[in-house]
Amino acid sequence: MLSIMVPVFNEEESLIRLHEEIVEVCTEGMISYEIIFIDDGSTDSSWKVIREITEKNPQVSAIQFRRNFGKAAALTAAMRSAQGDILMMMDADLQDDPAEIPKFLEKLKEDFDVVNGWKKERHDPWHKVYPSRIYNAMIGRMTGLHLHDHNCGLKVFRAEVAEEIRIYGEMHRFISVLAYSKGFRVTELVVNHRERKFGHSKYGMKRFLRGFLDLLTVTFLTGFRQRPQHLLGAVGLFSFGIGSLGIFYLSMIWIFSNIFGVGDFGPIGSRPMLAYSIAAMLLGAQALSLGLLAELMVAYTGSEADTYSVKERIRRDNDFDDDSRIV
């Protein structure tokens, strides 16, 4: 069954039409489905409309938040209540076309675990399009997963992906990256992007700043979660090394000037390099210490269970009889 998760925030005008389009596509394609609307603290009549939809269609369920917690929280709540083998994210503003559902399911059958949408022709203002392209390029460079549109609201993934990833903050846009880091197979699919007819965009410059900070977090979690000293230690050694070279240089100047009487370099205490070198050494020592503490936390908090992802298990009885079972 396909579970379609639709986060909602002040989208009262588009919900009925979105529901009708989803039902039409799934009915024509003979797709077993459920729709989960998550009202993320809407201040308009979105919840009232959602309740009316649930009364007419038993395959629709709904969750209402007490206030706005963000899209990641809404999707997390939907993942926990979803009953389908396949999960699909879809925005409620009608810019995501439900007609793309069969294409996503067909693509998933090609032995993929995650299919990420790609809005190749976008109907958004330029000040959203060009920063988005730069942002997607940065994600590809920093995470190793090169997709054209990480932030596309249309994504399809298997239920086991939802079981093994955790999203919060603005992490919903990194679902593909988190799945990729676990070893799941990820691909992308060009989708039809429609013009917005109701409401207004919820994305602004603040979202780009938050997204960049979350990108740093994801890069650290996916690349150095089990070996934090490799990152912090490298930064610490570099900083400590630069500071040590500065101190060594100044020490040589003092020795040659005051002991051997070679040259007149003046007092080293008034040189800015002394302060910079000491600061670099302190910063390096702190980074190395943090790296060691992080390694201790990784080693003793049992987080090693997250270092791998199981695709299949084979278990046999221990009595060595002929009734061995494969699970």
C-alpha atoms as a PDB file:
ATOM      1  CA  MET A   1       0.000   0.000   0.000  1.00  0.00           C
ATOM      2  CA  LEU A   2       1.075   3.558  -0.727  1.00  0.00           C
ATOM      3  CA  SER A   3       0.958   6.047   2.155  1.00  0.00           C
ATOM      4  CA  ILE A   4       0.813   9.628   0.874  1.00  0.00           C
ATOM      5  CA  MET A   5       1.952  12.118   3.531  1.00  0.00           C
ATOM      6  CA  VAL A   6       0.781  15.710   3.053  1.00  0.00           C
ATOM      7  CA  PRO A   7       2.007  18.370   5.520  1.00  0.00           C
ATOM      8  CA  VAL A   8      -0.432  21.284   5.655  1.00  0.00           C
ATOM      9  CA  PHE A   9       0.098  24.838   6.823  1.00  0.00           C
ATOM     10  CA  ASN A  10      -2.623  27.322   5.845  1.00  0.00           C
ATOM     11  CA  GLU A  11      -3.629  25.619   2.584  1.00  0.00           C
ATOM     12  CA  GLU A  12      -7.441  25.583   2.961  1.00  0.00           C
ATOM     13  CA  GLU A  13      -8.094  26.545  -0.673  1.00  0.00           C
ATOM     14  CA  SER A  14      -6.124  23.697  -2.249  1.00  0.00           C
ATOM     15  CA  LEU A  15      -6.939  20.691  -0.053  1.00  0.00           C
ATOM     16  CA  ILE A  16     -10.203  19.544  -1.651  1.00  0.00           C
ATOM     17  CA  ARG A  17      -8.796  19.695  -5.157  1.00  0.00           C
ATOM     18  CA  LEU A  18      -5.587  17.945  -4.084  1.00  0.00           C
ATOM     19  CA  HIS A  19      -7.589  15.131  -2.487  1.00  0.00           C
ATOM     20  CA  GLU A  20      -9.718  14.701  -5.599  1.00  0.00           C
ATOM     21  CA  GLU A  21      -6.666  14.505  -7.858  1.00  0.00           C
ATOM     22  CA  ILE A  22      -4.943  11.934  -5.652  1.00  0.00           C
ATOM     23  CA  VAL A  23      -8.059   9.741  -5.481  1.00  0.00           C
ATOM     24  CA  GLU A  24      -8.553   9.957  -9.238  1.00  0.00           C
ATOM     25  CA  VAL A  25      -4.958   8.951 -10.021  1.00  0.00           C
ATOM     26  CA  CYS A  26      -4.904   6.087  -7.517  1.00  0.00           C
ATOM     27  CA  THR A  27      -8.311   4.791  -8.642  1.00  0.00           C
ATOM     28  CA  GLU A  28      -7.370   4.799 -12.322  1.00  0.00           C
ATOM     29  CA  GLY A  29      -4.019   3.174 -11.592  1.00  0.00           C
ATOM     30  CA  MET A  30      -5.560   0.598  -9.237  1.00  0.00           C
ATOM     31  CA  ILE A  31      -3.184   1.740  -6.492  1.00  0.00           C
ATOM     32  CA  SER A  32      -3.983   0.787  -2.902  1.00  0.00           C
ATOM     33  CA  TYR A  33      -3.451   3.975  -0.942  1.00  0.00           C
ATOM     34  CA  GLU A  34      -3.984   5.989   2.193  1.00  0.00           C
ATOM     35  CA  ILE A  35      -3.658   9.755   2.588  1.00  0.00           C
ATOM     36  CA  ILE A  36      -2.313  11.283   5.788  1.00  0.00           C
ATOM     37  CA  PHE A  37      -2.886  15.012   6.219  1.00  0.00           C
ATOM     38  CA  ILE A  38      -0.803  16.658   8.938  1.00  0.00           C
ATOM     39  CA  ASP A  39      -2.062  20.074   9.992  1.00  0.00           C
ATOM     40  CA  ASP A  40       1.086  21.817  11.182  1.00  0.00           C
ATOM     41  CA  GLY A  41      -0.592  24.490  13.311  1.00  0.00           C
ATOM     42  CA  SER A  42      -2.638  26.172  10.570  1.00  0.00           C
ATOM     43  CA  THR A  43      -4.403  29.389  11.524  1.00  0.00           C
ATOM     44  CA  ASP A  44      -6.979  29.262   8.721  1.00  0.00           C
ATOM     45  CA  SER A  45      -9.740  26.701   8.109  1.00  0.00           C
ATOM     46  CA  SER A  46      -7.415  23.930   6.905  1.00  0.00           C
ATOM     47  CA  TRP A  47      -8.321  21.566   9.740  1.00  0.00           C
ATOM     48  CA  LYS A  48     -12.028  22.045   9.135  1.00  0.00           C
ATOM     49  CA  VAL A  49     -11.567  21.142   5.470  1.00  0.00           C
ATOM     50  CA  ILE A  50      -9.438  18.113   6.401  1.00  0.00           C
ATOM     51  CA  ARG A  51     -12.108  16.846   8.786  1.00  0.00           C
ATOM     52  CA  GLU A  52     -14.721  17.112   6.048  1.00  0.00           C
ATOM     53  CA  ILE A  53     -12.484  15.103   3.716  1.00  0.00           C
ATOM     54  CA  THR A  54     -11.940  12.350   6.316  1.00  0.00           C
ATOM     55  CA  GLU A  55     -15.705  12.022   6.798  1.00  0.00           C
ATOM     56  CA  LYS A  56     -16.180  11.367   3.067  1.00  0.00           C
ATOM     57  CA  ASN A  57     -13.182   9.111   2.452  1.00  0.00           C
ATOM     58  CA  PRO A  58     -12.251   6.399   4.991  1.00  0.00           C
ATOM     59  CA  GLN A  59      -8.821   6.059   3.355  1.00  0.00           C
ATOM     60  CA  VAL A  60      -7.889   9.506   4.630  1.00  0.00           C
ATOM     61  CA  SER A  61      -6.499  10.050   8.122  1.00  0.00           C
ATOM     62  CA  ALA A  62      -5.351  13.263   9.728  1.00  0.00           C
ATOM     63  CA  ILE A  63      -3.088  14.595  12.465  1.00  0.00           C
ATOM     64  CA  GLN A  64      -3.359  18.050  13.963  1.00  0.00           C
ATOM     65  CA  PHE A  65      -0.502  19.734  15.795  1.00  0.00           C
ATOM     66  CA  ARG A  66      -1.146  22.154  18.644  1.00  0.00           C
ATOM     67  CA  ARG A  67       1.127  24.690  16.957  1.00  0.00           C
ATOM     68  CA  ASN A  68       3.522  24.979  14.051  1.00  0.00           C
ATOM     69  CA  PHE A  69       6.399  22.550  14.614  1.00  0.00           C
ATOM     70  CA  GLY A  70       7.779  22.463  11.075  1.00  0.00           C
ATOM     71  CA  LYS A  71       7.666  20.146   8.094  1.00  0.00           C
ATOM     72  CA  ALA A  72      10.162  17.648   9.516  1.00  0.00           C
ATOM     73  CA  ALA A  73       8.017  17.122  12.608  1.00  0.00           C
ATOM     74  CA  ALA A  74       4.907  16.738  10.458  1.00  0.00           C
ATOM     75  CA  LEU A  75       6.556  14.093   8.295  1.00  0.00           C
ATOM     76  CA  THR A  76       7.895  12.267  11.349  1.00  0.00           C
ATOM     77  CA  ALA A  77       4.388  12.037  12.796  1.00  0.00           C
ATOM     78  CA  ALA A  78       3.085  10.765   9.454  1.00  0.00           C
ATOM     79  CA  MET A  79       5.840   8.147   9.147  1.00  0.00           C
ATOM     80  CA  ARG A  80       4.971   6.771  12.577  1.00  0.00           C
ATOM     81  CA  SER A  81       1.323   6.338  11.689  1.00  0.00           C
ATOM     82  CA  ALA A  82       1.755   5.230   8.067  1.00  0.00           C
ATOM     83  CA  GLN A  83       0.651   1.674   7.285  1.00  0.00           C
ATOM     84  CA  GLY A  84       1.953   1.442   3.728  1.00  0.00           C
ATOM     85  CA  ASP A  85       4.943  -0.432   2.372  1.00  0.00           C
ATOM     86  CA  ILE A  86       5.822   2.657   0.329  1.00  0.00           C
ATOM     87  CA  LEU A  87       5.724   6.239   1.609  1.00  0.00           C
ATOM     88  CA  MET A  88       5.341   9.383  -0.472  1.00  0.00           C
ATOM     89  CA  MET A  89       5.864  13.033   0.472  1.00  0.00           C
ATOM     90  CA  MET A  90       3.723  15.617  -1.258  1.00  0.00           C
ATOM     91  CA  ASP A  91       3.211  19.337  -0.619  1.00  0.00           C
ATOM     92  CA  ALA A  92      -0.326  20.631  -0.197  1.00  0.00           C
ATOM     93  CA  ASP A  93      -0.033  23.722  -2.400  1.00  0.00           C
ATOM     94  CA  LEU A  94      -0.902  21.887  -5.671  1.00  0.00           C
ATOM     95  CA  GLN A  95       2.500  22.622  -7.177  1.00  0.00           C
ATOM     96  CA  ASP A  96       3.264  18.897  -6.846  1.00  0.00           C
ATOM     97  CA  ASP A  97       1.290  16.987  -9.468  1.00  0.00           C
ATOM     98  CA  PRO A  98      -0.436  13.781  -8.214  1.00  0.00           C
ATOM     99  CA  ALA A  99      -0.339  12.494 -11.797  1.00  0.00           C
ATOM    100  CA  GLU A 100       3.333  11.698 -11.154  1.00  0.00           C
ATOM    101  CA  ILE A 101       2.467   8.991  -8.595  1.00  0.00           C
ATOM    102  CA  PRO A 102       2.484   6.018 -11.054  1.00  0.00           C
ATOM    103  CA  LYS A 103       5.828   7.153 -12.495  1.00  0.00           C
ATOM    104  CA  PHE A 104       7.400   7.176  -9.045  1.00  0.00           C
ATOM    105  CA  LEU A 105       6.121   3.698  -8.277  1.00  0.00           C
ATOM    106  CA  GLU A 106       7.435   2.357 -11.587  1.00  0.00           C
ATOM    107  CA  LYS A 107      10.842   3.931 -10.924  1.00  0.00           C
ATOM    108  CA  LEU A 108      10.932   2.400  -7.447  1.00  0.00           C
ATOM    109  CA  LYS A 109      10.494  -1.044  -9.019  1.00  0.00           C
ATOM    110  CA  GLU A 110      13.899  -0.656 -10.693  1.00  0.00           C
ATOM    111  CA  ASP A 111      15.474  -1.834  -7.431  1.00  0.00           C
ATOM    112  CA  PHE A 112      15.643   1.625  -5.886  1.00  0.00           C
ATOM    113  CA  ASP A 113      14.786   2.517  -2.290  1.00  0.00           C
ATOM    114  CA  VAL A 114      14.330   6.278  -2.676  1.00  0.00           C
ATOM    115  CA  VAL A 115      13.116   8.269  -5.686  1.00  0.00           C
ATOM    116  CA  ASN A 116      13.692  12.009  -5.391  1.00  0.00           C
ATOM    117  CA  GLY A 117      11.711  14.414  -7.564  1.00  0.00           C
ATOM    118  CA  TRP A 118      13.477  16.868  -9.865  1.00  0.00           C
ATOM    119  CA  LYS A 119      11.619  20.048 -10.801  1.00  0.00           C
ATOM    120  CA  LYS A 120      13.560  20.537 -14.010  1.00  0.00           C
ATOM    121  CA  GLU A 121      11.260  23.347 -15.197  1.00  0.00           C
ATOM    122  CA  ARG A 122      10.382  25.398 -12.126  1.00  0.00           C
ATOM    123  CA  HIS A 123       7.608  27.961 -11.869  1.00  0.00           C
ATOM    124  CA  ASP A 124       9.217  29.920  -9.060  1.00  0.00           C
ATOM    125  CA  PRO A 125      10.751  33.423  -8.971  1.00  0.00           C
ATOM    126  CA  TRP A 126      14.414  33.729  -9.888  1.00  0.00           C
ATOM    127  CA  HIS A 127      15.469  34.592  -6.337  1.00  0.00           C
ATOM    128  CA  LYS A 128      14.397  31.081  -5.308  1.00  0.00           C
ATOM    129  CA  VAL A 129      15.626  29.193  -8.363  1.00  0.00           C
ATOM    130  CA  TYR A 130      19.265  30.318  -8.554  1.00  0.00           C
ATOM    131  CA  PRO A 131      20.092  30.080  -4.819  1.00  0.00           C
ATOM    132  CA  SER A 132      18.484  26.635  -4.906  1.00  0.00           C
ATOM    133  CA  ARG A 133      20.825  25.511  -7.698  1.00  0.00           C
ATOM    134  CA  ILE A 134      23.860  26.686  -5.757  1.00  0.00           C
ATOM    135  CA  TYR A 135      22.545  25.001  -2.625  1.00  0.00           C
ATOM    136  CA  ASN A 136      21.978  21.680  -4.420  1.00  0.00           C
ATOM    137  CA  ALA A 137      25.491  21.809  -5.832  1.00  0.00           C
ATOM    138  CA  MET A 138      26.863  22.353  -2.316  1.00  0.00           C
ATOM    139  CA  ILE A 139      24.902  19.372  -0.985  1.00  0.00           C
ATOM    140  CA  GLY A 140      26.267  17.147  -3.733  1.00  0.00           C
ATOM    141  CA  ARG A 141      29.839  18.273  -3.121  1.00  0.00           C
ATOM    142  CA  MET A 142      29.645  17.880   0.674  1.00  0.00           C
ATOM    143  CA  THR A 143      27.644  14.628   0.891  1.00  0.00           C
ATOM    144  CA  GLY A 144      28.591  12.748  -2.282  1.00  0.00           C
ATOM    145  CA  LEU A 145      24.961  12.387  -3.405  1.00  0.00           C
ATOM    146  CA  HIS A 146      24.539  14.440  -6.561  1.00  0.00           C
ATOM    147  CA  LEU A 147      20.884  15.258  -7.185  1.00  0.00           C
ATOM    148  CA  HIS A 148      19.462  18.229  -9.048  1.00  0.00           C
ATOM    149  CA  ASP A 149      16.735  19.061  -6.532  1.00  0.00           C
ATOM    150  CA  HIS A 150      17.257  17.796  -2.975  1.00  0.00           C
ATOM    151  CA  ASN A 151      14.493  20.079  -1.703  1.00  0.00           C
ATOM    152  CA  CYS A 152      11.769  18.797  -4.031  1.00  0.00           C
ATOM    153  CA  GLY A 153       8.543  18.172  -2.099  1.00  0.00           C
ATOM    154  CA  LEU A 154       7.892  14.968  -4.048  1.00  0.00           C
ATOM    155  CA  LYS A 155       9.801  11.984  -2.702  1.00  0.00           C
ATOM    156  CA  VAL A 156       8.946   8.281  -2.579  1.00  0.00           C
ATOM    157  CA  PHE A 157      10.746   5.782  -0.364  1.00  0.00           C
ATOM    158  CA  ARG A 158      10.246   2.369   1.133  1.00  0.00           C
ATOM    159  CA  ALA A 159       8.984   1.937   4.687  1.00  0.00           C
ATOM    160  CA  GLU A 160      12.318   0.511   5.859  1.00  0.00           C
ATOM    161  CA  VAL A 161      13.968   3.827   4.950  1.00  0.00           C
ATOM    162  CA  ALA A 162      11.610   5.663   7.306  1.00  0.00           C
ATOM    163  CA  GLU A 163      12.475   3.165  10.045  1.00  0.00           C
ATOM    164  CA  GLU A 164      16.187   3.896   9.843  1.00  0.00           C
ATOM    165  CA  ILE A 165      16.417   7.661   9.503  1.00  0.00           C
ATOM    166  CA  ARG A 166      15.563  10.458  11.900  1.00  0.00           C
ATOM    167  CA  ILE A 167      14.627  13.937  10.731  1.00  0.00           C
ATOM    168  CA  TYR A 168      14.225  17.163  12.706  1.00  0.00           C
ATOM    169  CA  GLY A 169      14.670  20.885  12.170  1.00  0.00           C
ATOM    170  CA  GLU A 170      14.915  21.325   8.391  1.00  0.00           C
ATOM    171  CA  MET A 171      16.256  17.804   7.843  1.00  0.00           C
ATOM    172  CA  HIS A 172      13.286  16.721   5.711  1.00  0.00           C
ATOM    173  CA  ARG A 173      15.098  18.026   2.646  1.00  0.00           C
ATOM    174  CA  PHE A 174      17.963  15.619   3.400  1.00  0.00           C
ATOM    175  CA  ILE A 175      15.933  12.409   3.493  1.00  0.00           C
ATOM    176  CA  SER A 176      17.660  11.216   0.323  1.00  0.00           C
ATOM    177  CA  VAL A 177      21.084  12.045   1.763  1.00  0.00           C
ATOM    178  CA  LEU A 178      20.372  10.274   5.061  1.00  0.00           C
ATOM    179  CA  ALA A 179      19.090   7.207   3.209  1.00  0.00           C
ATOM    180  CA  TYR A 180      22.121   7.236   0.908  1.00  0.00           C
ATOM    181  CA  SER A 181      24.461   7.317   3.916  1.00  0.00           C
ATOM    182  CA  LYS A 182      22.754   4.152   5.205  1.00  0.00           C
ATOM    183  CA  GLY A 183      23.406   2.321   1.946  1.00  0.00           C
ATOM    184  CA  PHE A 184      19.968   2.638   0.354  1.00  0.00           C
ATOM    185  CA  ARG A 185      19.797   3.104  -3.418  1.00  0.00           C
ATOM    186  CA  VAL A 186      18.734   6.624  -4.396  1.00  0.00           C
ATOM    187  CA  THR A 187      17.760   8.047  -7.777  1.00  0.00           C
ATOM    188  CA  GLU A 188      15.805  11.000  -9.136  1.00  0.00           C
ATOM    189  CA  LEU A 189      12.898  11.513 -11.521  1.00  0.00           C
ATOM    190  CA  VAL A 190      11.904  14.578 -13.527  1.00  0.00           C
ATOM    191  CA  VAL A 191       8.470  15.768 -12.377  1.00  0.00           C
ATOM    192  CA  ASN A 192       5.916  18.289 -13.530  1.00  0.00           C
ATOM    193  CA  HIS A 193       6.058  21.437 -11.432  1.00  0.00           C
ATOM    194  CA  ARG A 194       2.890  23.511 -11.512  1.00  0.00           C
ATOM    195  CA  GLU A 195       2.357  27.179 -10.795  1.00  0.00           C
ATOM    196  CA  ARG A 196       1.039  28.151  -7.393  1.00  0.00           C
ATOM    197  CA  LYS A 197      -2.614  29.207  -7.575  1.00  0.00           C
ATOM    198  CA  PHE A 198      -3.474  29.625  -3.905  1.00  0.00           C
ATOM    199  CA  GLY A 199      -1.692  31.052  -0.893  1.00  0.00           C
ATOM    200  CA  HIS A 200       1.935  32.083  -0.842  1.00  0.00           C
ATOM    201  CA  SER A 201       5.309  30.434  -0.490  1.00  0.00           C
ATOM    202  CA  LYS A 202       6.477  29.536   3.034  1.00  0.00           C
ATOM    203  CA  TYR A 203      10.138  29.677   2.061  1.00  0.00           C
ATOM    204  CA  GLY A 204      12.346  32.729   2.535  1.00  0.00           C
ATOM    205  CA  MET A 205      15.960  33.666   3.121  1.00  0.00           C
ATOM    206  CA  LYS A 206      15.756  32.367   6.702  1.00  0.00           C
ATOM    207  CA  ARG A 207      15.071  28.899   5.322  1.00  0.00           C
ATOM    208  CA  PHE A 208      18.259  29.040   3.234  1.00  0.00           C
ATOM    209  CA  LEU A 209      20.303  29.955   6.314  1.00  0.00           C
ATOM    210  CA  ARG A 210      18.722  27.170   8.363  1.00  0.00           C
ATOM    211  CA  GLY A 211      19.189  24.777   5.476  1.00  0.00           C
ATOM    212  CA  PHE A 212      22.901  25.596   5.266  1.00  0.00           C
ATOM    213  CA  LEU A 213      23.358  24.997   8.991  1.00  0.00           C
ATOM    214  CA  ASP A 214      21.467  21.711   8.700  1.00  0.00           C
ATOM    215  CA  LEU A 215      23.704  20.791   5.749  1.00  0.00           C
ATOM    216  CA  LEU A 216      26.734  21.131   8.017  1.00  0.00           C
ATOM    217  CA  THR A 217      24.997  18.931  10.580  1.00  0.00           C
ATOM    218  CA  VAL A 218      24.104  16.281   8.001  1.00  0.00           C
ATOM    219  CA  THR A 219      27.639  16.303   6.600  1.00  0.00           C
ATOM    220  CA  PHE A 220      29.040  15.695  10.063  1.00  0.00           C
ATOM    221  CA  LEU A 221      26.476  13.011  10.969  1.00  0.00           C
ATOM    222  CA  THR A 222      26.820  11.075   7.728  1.00  0.00           C
ATOM    223  CA  GLY A 223      30.584  11.423   7.378  1.00  0.00           C
ATOM    224  CA  PHE A 224      32.010  11.581  10.897  1.00  0.00           C
ATOM    225  CA  ARG A 225      29.344  10.362  13.328  1.00  0.00           C
ATOM    226  CA  GLN A 226      31.290   7.220  14.196  1.00  0.00           C
ATOM    227  CA  ARG A 227      34.729   8.841  13.895  1.00  0.00           C
ATOM    228  CA  PRO A 228      34.420  12.461  15.111  1.00  0.00           C
ATOM    229  CA  GLN A 229      38.126  12.675  15.924  1.00  0.00           C
ATOM    230  CA  HIS A 230      38.906  12.365  12.209  1.00  0.00           C
ATOM    231  CA  LEU A 231      37.310  15.775  11.705  1.00  0.00           C
ATOM    232  CA  LEU A 232      37.926  17.551  15.002  1.00  0.00           C
ATOM    233  CA  GLY A 233      41.376  16.013  15.327  1.00  0.00           C
ATOM    234  CA  ALA A 234      42.372  17.139  11.842  1.00  0.00           C
ATOM    235  CA  VAL A 235      41.248  20.697  12.580  1.00  0.00           C
ATOM    236  CA  GLY A 236      42.999  20.574  15.952  1.00  0.00           C
ATOM    237  CA  LEU A 237      46.284  19.258  14.570  1.00  0.00           C
ATOM    238  CA  PHE A 238      46.314  21.841  11.782  1.00  0.00           C
ATOM    239  CA  SER A 239      45.633  24.730  14.158  1.00  0.00           C
ATOM    240  CA  PHE A 240      48.062  23.441  16.773  1.00  0.00           C
ATOM    241  CA  GLY A 241      50.703  22.903  14.104  1.00  0.00           C
ATOM    242  CA  ILE A 242      50.378  26.448  12.731  1.00  0.00           C
ATOM    243  CA  GLY A 243      50.593  27.870  16.246  1.00  0.00           C
ATOM    244  CA  SER A 244      53.620  25.731  17.064  1.00  0.00           C
ATOM    245  CA  LEU A 245      55.445  26.894  13.935  1.00  0.00           C
ATOM    246  CA  GLY A 246      54.785  30.504  14.917  1.00  0.00           C
ATOM    247  CA  ILE A 247      56.116  29.944  18.430  1.00  0.00           C
ATOM    248  CA  PHE A 248      59.161  28.102  17.052  1.00  0.00           C
ATOM    249  CA  TYR A 249      59.897  30.962  14.660  1.00  0.00           C
ATOM    250  CA  LEU A 250      59.664  33.553  17.420  1.00  0.00           C
ATOM    251  CA  SER A 251      61.798  31.390  19.726  1.00  0.00           C
ATOM    252  CA  MET A 252      64.541  31.189  17.107  1.00  0.00           C
ATOM    253  CA  ILE A 253      64.471  34.962  16.723  1.00  0.00           C
ATOM    254  CA  TRP A 254      64.833  35.419  20.492  1.00  0.00           C
ATOM    255  CA  ILE A 255      67.639  32.864  20.747  1.00  0.00           C
ATOM    256  CA  PHE A 256      69.693  34.314  17.892  1.00  0.00           C
ATOM    257  CA  SER A 257      69.111  37.890  19.042  1.00  0.00           C
ATOM    258  CA  ASN A 258      69.658  37.533  22.804  1.00  0.00           C
ATOM    259  CA  ILE A 259      72.066  34.584  23.111  1.00  0.00           C
ATOM    260  CA  PHE A 260      74.165  34.689  19.944  1.00  0.00           C
ATOM    261  CA  GLY A 261      73.763  38.433  19.367  1.00  0.00           C
ATOM    262  CA  VAL A 262      72.896  37.927  15.713  1.00  0.00           C
ATOM    263  CA  GLY A 263      70.697  40.732  14.368  1.00  0.00           C
ATOM    264  CA  ASP A 264      68.454  43.142  16.244  1.00  0.00           C
ATOM    265  CA  PHE A 265      64.919  41.855  15.892  1.00  0.00           C
ATOM    266  CA  GLY A 266      63.475  43.688  18.866  1.00  0.00           C
ATOM    267  CA  PRO A 267      61.322  42.169  21.622  1.00  0.00           C
ATOM    268  CA  ILE A 268      59.048  39.346  20.493  1.00  0.00           C
ATOM    269  CA  GLY A 269      56.460  40.122  23.157  1.00  0.00           C
ATOM    270  CA  SER A 270      55.098  43.037  21.126  1.00  0.00           C
ATOM    271  CA  ARG A 271      54.699  41.044  17.923  1.00  0.00           C
ATOM    272  CA  PRO A 272      51.100  40.162  16.865  1.00  0.00           C
ATOM    273  CA  MET A 273      52.378  36.764  15.721  1.00  0.00           C
ATOM    274  CA  LEU A 274      52.902  35.759  19.353  1.00  0.00           C
ATOM    275  CA  ALA A 275      49.250  36.295  20.250  1.00  0.00           C
ATOM    276  CA  TYR A 276      48.059  34.613  17.062  1.00  0.00           C
ATOM    277  CA  SER A 277      50.309  31.601  17.581  1.00  0.00           C
ATOM    278  CA  ILE A 278      49.212  31.098  21.177  1.00  0.00           C
ATOM    279  CA  ALA A 279      45.547  31.421  20.150  1.00  0.00           C
ATOM    280  CA  ALA A 280      46.042  28.857  17.356  1.00  0.00           C
ATOM    281  CA  MET A 281      47.671  26.405  19.760  1.00  0.00           C
ATOM    282  CA  LEU A 282      44.846  26.810  22.300  1.00  0.00           C
ATOM    283  CA  LEU A 283      42.225  26.348  19.583  1.00  0.00           C
ATOM    284  CA  GLY A 284      43.986  23.239  18.343  1.00  0.00           C
ATOM    285  CA  ALA A 285      44.225  21.770  21.835  1.00  0.00           C
ATOM    286  CA  GLN A 286      40.525  22.401  22.414  1.00  0.00           C
ATOM    287  CA  ALA A 287      39.546  20.769  19.101  1.00  0.00           C
ATOM    288  CA  LEU A 288      41.660  17.710  19.918  1.00  0.00           C
ATOM    289  CA  SER A 289      40.070  17.483  23.369  1.00  0.00           C
ATOM    290  CA  LEU A 290      36.569  17.748  21.935  1.00  0.00           C
ATOM    291  CA  GLY A 291      37.405  15.047  19.423  1.00  0.00           C
ATOM    292  CA  LEU A 292      38.564  12.695  22.189  1.00  0.00           C
ATOM    293  CA  LEU A 293      35.421  13.377  24.234  1.00  0.00           C
ATOM    294  CA  ALA A 294      33.251  12.753  21.162  1.00  0.00           C
ATOM    295  CA  GLU A 295      35.072   9.453  20.534  1.00  0.00           C
ATOM    296  CA  LEU A 296      34.394   8.405  24.139  1.00  0.00           C
ATOM    297  CA  MET A 297      30.697   9.223  23.739  1.00  0.00           C
ATOM    298  CA  VAL A 298      30.504   7.173  20.535  1.00  0.00           C
ATOM    299  CA  ALA A 299      32.309   4.266  22.184  1.00  0.00           C
ATOM    300  CA  TYR A 300      30.256   4.102  25.381  1.00  0.00           C
ATOM    301  CA  THR A 301      26.724   5.191  24.450  1.00  0.00           C
ATOM    302  CA  GLY A 302      25.906   2.156  22.326  1.00  0.00           C
ATOM    303  CA  SER A 303      25.566   4.175  19.121  1.00  0.00           C
ATOM    304  CA  GLU A 304      27.471   1.469  17.247  1.00  0.00           C
ATOM    305  CA  ALA A 305      24.058  -0.028  16.454  1.00  0.00           C
ATOM    306  CA  ASP A 306      23.568   2.779  13.953  1.00  0.00           C
ATOM    307  CA  THR A 307      26.745   2.089  12.004  1.00  0.00           C
ATOM    308  CA  TYR A 308      25.116  -0.361   9.633  1.00  0.00           C
ATOM    309  CA  SER A 309      21.849  -1.002   7.825  1.00  0.00           C
ATOM    310  CA  VAL A 310      20.502  -4.545   7.355  1.00  0.00           C
ATOM    311  CA  LYS A 311      18.931  -5.329   3.987  1.00  0.00           C
ATOM    312  CA  GLU A 312      18.098  -8.977   4.658  1.00  0.00           C
ATOM    313  CA  ARG A 313      18.410 -11.472   7.496  1.00  0.00           C
ATOM    314  CA  ILE A 314      18.809 -15.256   7.359  1.00  0.00           C
ATOM    315  CA  ARG A 315      18.189 -17.061  10.646  1.00  0.00           C
ATOM    316  CA  ARG A 316      18.295 -20.784  11.239  1.00  0.00           C
ATOM    317  CA  ASP A 317      17.355 -22.900  14.259  1.00  0.00           C
ATOM    318  CA  ASN A 318      20.181 -23.977  16.534  1.00  0.00           C
ATOM    319  CA  ASP A 319      19.067 -27.594  16.984  1.00  0.00           C
ATOM    320  CA  PHE A 320      20.636 -28.609  13.635  1.00  0.00           C
ATOM    321  CA  ASP A 321      17.583 -30.605  12.565  1.00  0.00           C
ATOM    322  CA  ASP A 322      16.073 -30.713   9.113  1.00  0.00           C
ATOM    323  CA  ASP A 323      13.473 -28.080   9.946  1.00  0.00           C
ATOM    324  CA  SER A 324      15.749 -25.087   9.472  1.00  0.00           C
ATOM    325  CA  ARG A 325      13.862 -21.897   8.915  1.00  0.00           C
ATOM    326  CA  ILE A 326      14.746 -18.894   6.813  1.00  0.00           C
ATOM    327  CA  VAL A 327      13.205 -15.649   8.024  1.00  0.00           C
END
